[in-house]
Amino acid sequence: MATYWTDVDAAWQRALTAGAEVVYPLTDQFYGERAGRLRDPFGQQWMLSQRIENVSAPEMTRRAAEFFDQS
């Protein structure tokens, strides 16, 4: 399940406090979102995201190339 938040850090902390486990840490992504993935105590995975900047198509292409070149 993918969800968007106005304060993803606060939502993330509430989920951890409620017993969720980190699948992918909450980090700033090259495509302009702060995002991570959690697993709740019932096994359901949740992606929590927040838009942190609008990225133009040319800039997205440049960032994606950098990201995948370092992987």
PDB file of N, CA and C in Angstrom:
ATOM      1  N   MET A   1       0.860  -1.165   0.000  1.00  0.00           N
ATOM      2  CA  MET A   1       0.000   0.000   0.000  1.00  0.00           C
ATOM      3  C   MET A   1       0.906   1.227   0.000  1.00  0.00           C
ATOM      4  N   ALA A   2       0.661   2.157  -0.888  1.00  0.00           N
ATOM      5  CA  ALA A   2       1.430   3.399  -0.964  1.00  0.00           C
ATOM      6  C   ALA A   2       0.571   4.534  -0.416  1.00  0.00           C
ATOM      7  N   THR A   3       1.142   5.317   0.499  1.00  0.00           N
ATOM      8  CA  THR A   3       0.420   6.429   1.108  1.00  0.00           C
ATOM      9  C   THR A   3       1.279   7.684   1.055  1.00  0.00           C
ATOM     10  N   TYR A   4       0.626   8.843   0.981  1.00  0.00           N
ATOM     11  CA  TYR A   4       1.319  10.128   0.970  1.00  0.00           C
ATOM     12  C   TYR A   4       0.926  10.924   2.207  1.00  0.00           C
ATOM     13  N   TRP A   5       1.899  11.650   2.765  1.00  0.00           N
ATOM     14  CA  TRP A   5       1.728  12.371   4.022  1.00  0.00           C
ATOM     15  C   TRP A   5       2.263  13.790   3.898  1.00  0.00           C
ATOM     16  N   THR A   6       1.695  14.705   4.683  1.00  0.00           N
ATOM     17  CA  THR A   6       2.240  16.065   4.730  1.00  0.00           C
ATOM     18  C   THR A   6       3.449  16.107   5.651  1.00  0.00           C
ATOM     19  N   ASP A   7       3.525  15.186   6.616  1.00  0.00           N
ATOM     20  CA  ASP A   7       4.690  15.060   7.500  1.00  0.00           C
ATOM     21  C   ASP A   7       5.034  13.579   7.610  1.00  0.00           C
ATOM     22  N   VAL A   8       5.764  13.088   6.617  1.00  0.00           N
ATOM     23  CA  VAL A   8       6.059  11.655   6.555  1.00  0.00           C
ATOM     24  C   VAL A   8       6.928  11.201   7.729  1.00  0.00           C
ATOM     25  N   ASP A   9       7.786  12.078   8.234  1.00  0.00           N
ATOM     26  CA  ASP A   9       8.632  11.690   9.360  1.00  0.00           C
ATOM     27  C   ASP A   9       7.801  11.388  10.608  1.00  0.00           C
ATOM     28  N   ALA A  10       6.781  12.207  10.861  1.00  0.00           N
ATOM     29  CA  ALA A  10       5.908  11.971  12.020  1.00  0.00           C
ATOM     30  C   ALA A  10       5.101  10.688  11.835  1.00  0.00           C
ATOM     31  N   ALA A  11       4.567  10.462  10.636  1.00  0.00           N
ATOM     32  CA  ALA A  11       3.809   9.240  10.363  1.00  0.00           C
ATOM     33  C   ALA A  11       4.696   8.010  10.509  1.00  0.00           C
ATOM     34  N   TRP A  12       5.929   8.111  10.018  1.00  0.00           N
ATOM     35  CA  TRP A  12       6.909   7.023  10.122  1.00  0.00           C
ATOM     36  C   TRP A  12       7.150   6.659  11.583  1.00  0.00           C
ATOM     37  N   GLN A  13       7.375   7.672  12.400  1.00  0.00           N
ATOM     38  CA  GLN A  13       7.647   7.433  13.816  1.00  0.00           C
ATOM     39  C   GLN A  13       6.443   6.805  14.511  1.00  0.00           C
ATOM     40  N   ARG A  14       5.237   7.264  14.183  1.00  0.00           N
ATOM     41  CA  ARG A  14       4.028   6.665  14.775  1.00  0.00           C
ATOM     42  C   ARG A  14       3.923   5.189  14.406  1.00  0.00           C
ATOM     43  N   ALA A  15       4.221   4.863  13.154  1.00  0.00           N
ATOM     44  CA  ALA A  15       4.151   3.468  12.712  1.00  0.00           C
ATOM     45  C   ALA A  15       5.174   2.611  13.446  1.00  0.00           C
ATOM     46  N   LEU A  16       6.395   3.121  13.603  1.00  0.00           N
ATOM     47  CA  LEU A  16       7.415   2.368  14.337  1.00  0.00           C
ATOM     48  C   LEU A  16       7.001   2.159  15.787  1.00  0.00           C
ATOM     49  N   THR A  17       6.451   3.191  16.395  1.00  0.00           N
ATOM     50  CA  THR A  17       5.991   3.094  17.782  1.00  0.00           C
ATOM     51  C   THR A  17       4.883   2.055  17.912  1.00  0.00           C
ATOM     52  N   ALA A  18       4.067   1.914  16.872  1.00  0.00           N
ATOM     53  CA  ALA A  18       2.966   0.954  16.875  1.00  0.00           C
ATOM     54  C   ALA A  18       3.415  -0.465  16.531  1.00  0.00           C
ATOM     55  N   GLY A  19       4.711  -0.669  16.277  1.00  0.00           N
ATOM     56  CA  GLY A  19       5.225  -2.014  16.054  1.00  0.00           C
ATOM     57  C   GLY A  19       5.637  -2.346  14.637  1.00  0.00           C
ATOM     58  N   ALA A  20       5.639  -1.375  13.740  1.00  0.00           N
ATOM     59  CA  ALA A  20       6.070  -1.646  12.363  1.00  0.00           C
ATOM     60  C   ALA A  20       7.580  -1.871  12.319  1.00  0.00           C
ATOM     61  N   GLU A  21       8.020  -2.620  11.314  1.00  0.00           N
ATOM     62  CA  GLU A  21       9.444  -2.884  11.085  1.00  0.00           C
ATOM     63  C   GLU A  21       9.868  -2.238   9.768  1.00  0.00           C
ATOM     64  N   VAL A  22      11.083  -1.735   9.729  1.00  0.00           N
ATOM     65  CA  VAL A  22      11.604  -1.088   8.526  1.00  0.00           C
ATOM     66  C   VAL A  22      11.961  -2.142   7.480  1.00  0.00           C
ATOM     67  N   VAL A  23      11.429  -1.980   6.274  1.00  0.00           N
ATOM     68  CA  VAL A  23      11.804  -2.796   5.119  1.00  0.00           C
ATOM     69  C   VAL A  23      12.855  -2.034   4.315  1.00  0.00           C
ATOM     70  N   TYR A  24      12.551  -0.777   3.963  1.00  0.00           N
ATOM     71  CA  TYR A  24      13.487   0.158   3.329  1.00  0.00           C
ATOM     72  C   TYR A  24      13.449   1.440   4.139  1.00  0.00           C
ATOM     73  N   PRO A  25      14.596   1.967   4.559  1.00  0.00           N
ATOM     74  CA  PRO A  25      14.603   3.165   5.400  1.00  0.00           C
ATOM     75  C   PRO A  25      13.991   4.391   4.712  1.00  0.00           C
ATOM     76  N   LEU A  26      13.494   5.293   5.518  1.00  0.00           N
ATOM     77  CA  LEU A  26      12.940   6.553   5.043  1.00  0.00           C
ATOM     78  C   LEU A  26      14.088   7.465   4.624  1.00  0.00           C
ATOM     79  N   THR A  27      14.155   7.794   3.335  1.00  0.00           N
ATOM     80  CA  THR A  27      15.235   8.629   2.809  1.00  0.00           C
ATOM     81  C   THR A  27      14.705   9.512   1.680  1.00  0.00           C
ATOM     82  N   ASP A  28      15.453  10.568   1.386  1.00  0.00           N
ATOM     83  CA  ASP A  28      15.135  11.428   0.246  1.00  0.00           C
ATOM     84  C   ASP A  28      15.501  10.679  -1.028  1.00  0.00           C
ATOM     85  N   GLN A  29      14.581  10.672  -1.991  1.00  0.00           N
ATOM     86  CA  GLN A  29      14.759   9.953  -3.245  1.00  0.00           C
ATOM     87  C   GLN A  29      15.093  10.927  -4.378  1.00  0.00           C
ATOM     88  N   PHE A  30      15.766  10.439  -5.403  1.00  0.00           N
ATOM     89  CA  PHE A  30      16.184  11.301  -6.519  1.00  0.00           C
ATOM     90  C   PHE A  30      15.005  11.877  -7.287  1.00  0.00           C
ATOM     91  N   TYR A  31      13.843  11.268  -7.182  1.00  0.00           N
ATOM     92  CA  TYR A  31      12.682  11.708  -7.949  1.00  0.00           C
ATOM     93  C   TYR A  31      11.826  12.738  -7.201  1.00  0.00           C
ATOM     94  N   GLY A  32      12.347  13.270  -6.078  1.00  0.00           N
ATOM     95  CA  GLY A  32      11.681  14.374  -5.406  1.00  0.00           C
ATOM     96  C   GLY A  32      10.758  13.989  -4.267  1.00  0.00           C
ATOM     97  N   GLU A  33      10.881  12.771  -3.772  1.00  0.00           N
ATOM     98  CA  GLU A  33      10.061  12.343  -2.642  1.00  0.00           C
ATOM     99  C   GLU A  33      10.951  11.868  -1.503  1.00  0.00           C
ATOM    100  N   ARG A  34      10.426  11.952  -0.314  1.00  0.00           N
ATOM    101  CA  ARG A  34      11.027  11.319   0.861  1.00  0.00           C
ATOM    102  C   ARG A  34      10.166  10.093   1.091  1.00  0.00           C
ATOM    103  N   ALA A  35      10.765   8.910   1.066  1.00  0.00           N
ATOM    104  CA  ALA A  35       9.967   7.690   1.080  1.00  0.00           C
ATOM    105  C   ALA A  35      10.709   6.543   1.753  1.00  0.00           C
ATOM    106  N   GLY A  36       9.923   5.593   2.231  1.00  0.00           N
ATOM    107  CA  GLY A  36      10.448   4.363   2.806  1.00  0.00           C
ATOM    108  C   GLY A  36       9.333   3.334   2.884  1.00  0.00           C
ATOM    109  N   ARG A  37       9.699   2.115   3.256  1.00  0.00           N
ATOM    110  CA  ARG A  37       8.705   1.045   3.339  1.00  0.00           C
ATOM    111  C   ARG A  37       8.783   0.360   4.702  1.00  0.00           C
ATOM    112  N   LEU A  38       7.598   0.100   5.252  1.00  0.00           N
ATOM    113  CA  LEU A  38       7.469  -0.563   6.549  1.00  0.00           C
ATOM    114  C   LEU A  38       6.619  -1.822   6.409  1.00  0.00           C
ATOM    115  N   ARG A  39       6.759  -2.737   7.371  1.00  0.00           N
ATOM    116  CA  ARG A  39       5.889  -3.915   7.466  1.00  0.00           C
ATOM    117  C   ARG A  39       5.172  -3.821   8.813  1.00  0.00           C
ATOM    118  N   ASP A  40       3.852  -3.847   8.789  1.00  0.00           N
ATOM    119  CA  ASP A  40       3.104  -3.765  10.041  1.00  0.00           C
ATOM    120  C   ASP A  40       3.112  -5.123  10.754  1.00  0.00           C
ATOM    121  N   PRO A  41       2.642  -5.174  12.004  1.00  0.00           N
ATOM    122  CA  PRO A  41       2.678  -6.439  12.757  1.00  0.00           C
ATOM    123  C   PRO A  41       1.879  -7.576  12.115  1.00  0.00           C
ATOM    124  N   PHE A  42       1.006  -7.276  11.152  1.00  0.00           N
ATOM    125  CA  PHE A  42       0.212  -8.303  10.475  1.00  0.00           C
ATOM    126  C   PHE A  42       0.856  -8.767   9.169  1.00  0.00           C
ATOM    127  N   GLY A  43       2.023  -8.179   8.822  1.00  0.00           N
ATOM    128  CA  GLY A  43       2.744  -8.578   7.619  1.00  0.00           C
ATOM    129  C   GLY A  43       2.493  -7.710   6.397  1.00  0.00           C
ATOM    130  N   GLN A  44       1.562  -6.752   6.491  1.00  0.00           N
ATOM    131  CA  GLN A  44       1.265  -5.853   5.368  1.00  0.00           C
ATOM    132  C   GLN A  44       2.389  -4.832   5.217  1.00  0.00           C
ATOM    133  N   GLN A  45       2.838  -4.627   3.986  1.00  0.00           N
ATOM    134  CA  GLN A  45       3.863  -3.607   3.735  1.00  0.00           C
ATOM    135  C   GLN A  45       3.211  -2.303   3.320  1.00  0.00           C
ATOM    136  N   TRP A  46       3.786  -1.198   3.809  1.00  0.00           N
ATOM    137  CA  TRP A  46       3.292   0.145   3.559  1.00  0.00           C
ATOM    138  C   TRP A  46       4.438   1.010   3.069  1.00  0.00           C
ATOM    139  N   MET A  47       4.205   1.730   1.979  1.00  0.00           N
ATOM    140  CA  MET A  47       5.171   2.716   1.523  1.00  0.00           C
ATOM    141  C   MET A  47       4.652   4.077   1.954  1.00  0.00           C
ATOM    142  N   LEU A  48       5.441   4.787   2.732  1.00  0.00           N
ATOM    143  CA  LEU A  48       5.090   6.122   3.196  1.00  0.00           C
ATOM    144  C   LEU A  48       5.930   7.120   2.428  1.00  0.00           C
ATOM    145  N   SER A  49       5.284   8.141   1.867  1.00  0.00           N
ATOM    146  CA  SER A  49       5.984   9.111   1.024  1.00  0.00           C
ATOM    147  C   SER A  49       5.490  10.519   1.289  1.00  0.00           C
ATOM    148  N   GLN A  50       6.349  11.463   0.940  1.00  0.00           N
ATOM    149  CA  GLN A  50       6.010  12.885   0.958  1.00  0.00           C
ATOM    150  C   GLN A  50       6.742  13.539  -0.192  1.00  0.00           C
ATOM    151  N   ARG A  51       6.022  14.334  -0.975  1.00  0.00           N
ATOM    152  CA  ARG A  51       6.657  15.098  -2.055  1.00  0.00           C
ATOM    153  C   ARG A  51       7.471  16.210  -1.398  1.00  0.00           C
ATOM    154  N   ILE A  52       8.778  16.271  -1.708  1.00  0.00           N
ATOM    155  CA  ILE A  52       9.629  17.298  -1.119  1.00  0.00           C
ATOM    156  C   ILE A  52      10.111  18.318  -2.144  1.00  0.00           C
ATOM    157  N   GLU A  53      10.008  17.975  -3.431  1.00  0.00           N
ATOM    158  CA  GLU A  53      10.344  18.934  -4.482  1.00  0.00           C
ATOM    159  C   GLU A  53       9.766  18.459  -5.805  1.00  0.00           C
ATOM    160  N   ASN A  54       9.485  19.400  -6.676  1.00  0.00           N
ATOM    161  CA  ASN A  54       9.055  19.082  -8.033  1.00  0.00           C
ATOM    162  C   ASN A  54      10.294  19.035  -8.912  1.00  0.00           C
ATOM    163  N   VAL A  55      10.462  17.937  -9.609  1.00  0.00           N
ATOM    164  CA  VAL A  55      11.655  17.711 -10.420  1.00  0.00           C
ATOM    165  C   VAL A  55      11.237  17.694 -11.890  1.00  0.00           C
ATOM    166  N   SER A  56      11.889  18.527 -12.694  1.00  0.00           N
ATOM    167  CA  SER A  56      11.587  18.571 -14.128  1.00  0.00           C
ATOM    168  C   SER A  56      12.018  17.270 -14.801  1.00  0.00           C
ATOM    169  N   ALA A  57      11.454  17.001 -15.960  1.00  0.00           N
ATOM    170  CA  ALA A  57      11.800  15.780 -16.701  1.00  0.00           C
ATOM    171  C   ALA A  57      13.298  15.699 -17.018  1.00  0.00           C
ATOM    172  N   PRO A  58      13.932  16.779 -17.507  1.00  0.00           N
ATOM    173  CA  PRO A  58      15.375  16.681 -17.779  1.00  0.00           C
ATOM    174  C   PRO A  58      16.195  16.422 -16.506  1.00  0.00           C
ATOM    175  N   GLU A  59      15.806  17.087 -15.416  1.00  0.00           N
ATOM    176  CA  GLU A  59      16.527  16.871 -14.156  1.00  0.00           C
ATOM    177  C   GLU A  59      16.313  15.457 -13.643  1.00  0.00           C
ATOM    178  N   MET A  60      15.110  14.924 -13.797  1.00  0.00           N
ATOM    179  CA  MET A  60      14.821  13.548 -13.380  1.00  0.00           C
ATOM    180  C   MET A  60      15.693  12.571 -14.166  1.00  0.00           C
ATOM    181  N   THR A  61      15.825  12.797 -15.458  1.00  0.00           N
ATOM    182  CA  THR A  61      16.660  11.933 -16.296  1.00  0.00           C
ATOM    183  C   THR A  61      18.115  11.977 -15.836  1.00  0.00           C
ATOM    184  N   ARG A  62      18.614  13.176 -15.545  1.00  0.00           N
ATOM    185  CA  ARG A  62      19.991  13.331 -15.083  1.00  0.00           C
ATOM    186  C   ARG A  62      20.195  12.613 -13.746  1.00  0.00           C
ATOM    187  N   ARG A  63      19.279  12.837 -12.813  1.00  0.00           N
ATOM    188  CA  ARG A  63      19.399  12.212 -11.490  1.00  0.00           C
ATOM    189  C   ARG A  63      19.288  10.691 -11.563  1.00  0.00           C
ATOM    190  N   ALA A  64      18.379  10.214 -12.384  1.00  0.00           N
ATOM    191  CA  ALA A  64      18.215   8.769 -12.521  1.00  0.00           C
ATOM    192  C   ALA A  64      19.483   8.134 -13.068  1.00  0.00           C
ATOM    193  N   ALA A  65      20.094   8.771 -14.050  1.00  0.00           N
ATOM    194  CA  ALA A  65      21.347   8.248 -14.614  1.00  0.00           C
ATOM    195  C   ALA A  65      22.419   8.185 -13.542  1.00  0.00           C
ATOM    196  N   GLU A  66      22.542   9.227 -12.749  1.00  0.00           N
ATOM    197  CA  GLU A  66      23.523   9.232 -11.655  1.00  0.00           C
ATOM    198  C   GLU A  66      23.221   8.130 -10.646  1.00  0.00           C
ATOM    199  N   PHE A  67      21.951   8.010 -10.269  1.00  0.00           N
ATOM    200  CA  PHE A  67      21.545   7.017  -9.281  1.00  0.00           C
ATOM    201  C   PHE A  67      21.856   5.598  -9.754  1.00  0.00           C
ATOM    202  N   PHE A  68      21.479   5.285 -10.986  1.00  0.00           N
ATOM    203  CA  PHE A  68      21.679   3.926 -11.471  1.00  0.00           C
ATOM    204  C   PHE A  68      23.125   3.644 -11.846  1.00  0.00           C
ATOM    205  N   ASP A  69      23.914   4.664 -12.154  1.00  0.00           N
ATOM    206  CA  ASP A  69      25.331   4.471 -12.435  1.00  0.00           C
ATOM    207  C   ASP A  69      26.097   4.104 -11.155  1.00  0.00           C
ATOM    208  N   GLN A  70      25.652   4.595 -10.017  1.00  0.00           N
ATOM    209  CA  GLN A  70      26.354   4.309  -8.762  1.00  0.00           C
ATOM    210  C   GLN A  70      25.879   3.009  -8.120  1.00  0.00           C
ATOM    211  N   SER A  71      24.807   2.423  -8.618  1.00  0.00           N
ATOM    212  CA  SER A  71      24.255   1.198  -8.017  1.00  0.00           C
ATOM    213  C   SER A  71      25.081  -0.017  -8.338  1.00  0.00           C
TER     214      SER A  71
END
